[in-house]
């Protein structure tokens, strides 16, 4: 699968399994829901990170399985995810720094 800088790969489960096997480059996996505003906002920011860092990092996304959201109240889940967005950015930034990479959020 050829990917251009700035493009976050959207993967199915088989492609995700293959991506997980490649340990040569830092990998960020964004599990998201298409109905979740904070998820979509973070996805746009991850596209900017991918554009900035290019092939130094692999960034891919996969929709979270329905079972993940099945017992969650969608409005509460979105609020919770919005509150965690800053925390997620910190985790991603710290992980990238371990590999000598920086992302300008």
Protein backbone atom coordinates (compact mmCIF):
# COMPACT_ATOMS: atom_id res chain seq x y z
CA UNK A 1 0.00 0.00 0.00
CA UNK A 2 1.61 3.27 -1.11
CA UNK A 3 1.01 6.19 1.23
CA UNK A 4 1.79 9.85 0.62
CA UNK A 5 3.14 12.20 3.29
CA UNK A 6 0.31 13.66 5.33
CA UNK A 7 -2.05 10.80 4.57
CA UNK A 8 -3.07 8.66 7.53
CA UNK A 9 -3.73 5.10 6.37
CA UNK A 10 -7.19 3.73 7.13
CA UNK A 11 -6.83 0.03 7.82
CA UNK A 12 -9.04 -2.99 8.06
CA UNK A 13 -8.24 -5.69 10.62
CA UNK A 14 -5.96 -7.70 8.29
CA UNK A 15 -3.96 -4.62 7.30
CA UNK A 16 -3.69 -3.62 10.95
CA UNK A 17 -2.19 -7.02 11.80
CA UNK A 18 0.46 -6.52 9.08
CA UNK A 19 1.22 -2.97 10.25
CA UNK A 20 1.76 -4.22 13.81
CA UNK A 21 4.43 -6.64 12.59
CA UNK A 22 6.66 -3.83 11.25
CA UNK A 23 8.74 -2.62 14.19
CA UNK A 24 11.19 -0.52 12.17
CA UNK A 25 9.28 2.76 12.54
CA UNK A 26 7.24 4.26 15.42
CA UNK A 27 3.56 3.47 14.93
CA UNK A 28 0.55 5.48 16.08
CA UNK A 29 -2.82 3.77 15.75
CA UNK A 30 -5.89 5.97 16.04
CA UNK A 31 -9.00 3.96 16.94
CA UNK A 32 -11.98 6.18 16.29
CA UNK A 33 -15.74 6.32 15.81
CA UNK A 34 -17.11 8.10 12.76
CA UNK A 35 -19.81 9.79 14.87
CA UNK A 36 -17.39 11.17 17.48
CA UNK A 37 -16.43 14.84 17.09
CA UNK A 38 -13.29 14.67 19.28
CA UNK A 39 -12.15 11.56 17.38
CA UNK A 40 -12.48 13.38 14.07
CA UNK A 41 -10.67 16.46 15.43
CA UNK A 42 -7.75 14.33 16.64
CA UNK A 43 -7.66 12.54 13.27
CA UNK A 44 -7.12 15.88 11.49
CA UNK A 45 -4.29 16.74 13.86
CA UNK A 46 -2.68 13.35 13.29
CA UNK A 47 -2.76 14.05 9.54
CA UNK A 48 -0.76 17.23 10.24
CA UNK A 49 1.71 15.24 12.34
CA UNK A 50 2.09 12.72 9.49
CA UNK A 51 2.67 15.54 7.01
CA UNK A 52 5.29 17.07 9.30
CA UNK A 53 7.16 13.84 10.12
CA UNK A 54 6.65 11.97 6.85
CA UNK A 55 8.16 8.50 6.74
CA UNK A 56 9.79 8.86 10.17
CA UNK A 57 6.52 7.64 11.71
CA UNK A 58 3.65 5.40 10.61
CA UNK A 59 0.21 6.69 11.52
CA UNK A 60 -2.86 4.65 10.76
CA UNK A 61 -6.47 4.63 11.83
CA UNK A 62 -9.13 2.01 12.29
CA UNK A 63 -12.71 2.36 13.36
CA UNK A 64 -13.20 0.98 16.83
CA UNK A 65 -15.34 -2.16 16.86
CA UNK A 66 -19.01 -1.64 17.64
CA UNK A 67 -18.54 -3.79 20.75
CA UNK A 68 -16.19 -1.10 22.10
CA UNK A 69 -19.01 1.45 22.07
CA UNK A 70 -21.93 -0.95 22.65
CA UNK A 71 -22.41 -0.29 26.36
CA UNK A 72 -21.30 3.35 26.32
CA UNK A 73 -23.54 6.38 26.28
CA UNK A 74 -22.31 8.12 23.12
CA UNK A 75 -22.67 11.67 24.47
CA UNK A 76 -20.78 10.83 27.66
CA UNK A 77 -18.13 8.95 25.68
CA UNK A 78 -17.50 11.98 23.45
CA UNK A 79 -17.18 14.30 26.43
CA UNK A 80 -14.80 11.85 28.04
CA UNK A 81 -12.73 11.60 24.85
CA UNK A 82 -12.61 15.36 24.48
CA UNK A 83 -11.26 15.63 28.02
CA UNK A 84 -8.64 12.99 27.16
CA UNK A 85 -7.51 14.63 23.91
CA UNK A 86 -4.82 16.65 25.69
CA UNK A 87 -3.73 13.51 27.52
CA UNK A 88 -3.58 11.57 24.22
CA UNK A 89 -1.44 14.26 22.62
CA UNK A 90 0.95 14.12 25.56
CA UNK A 91 1.26 10.33 25.32
CA UNK A 92 1.86 10.51 21.56
CA UNK A 93 4.38 13.34 21.95
CA UNK A 94 6.26 11.48 24.68
CA UNK A 95 6.37 8.33 22.57
CA UNK A 96 7.69 10.23 19.57
CA UNK A 97 10.35 11.91 21.70
CA UNK A 98 11.62 8.48 22.73
CA UNK A 99 12.46 8.04 19.04
CA UNK A 100 13.99 11.50 18.74
CA UNK A 101 10.94 12.92 16.94
CA UNK A 102 8.85 16.00 17.71
CA UNK A 103 5.42 17.01 16.51
CA UNK A 104 4.27 20.61 16.53
CA UNK A 105 0.68 20.39 17.75
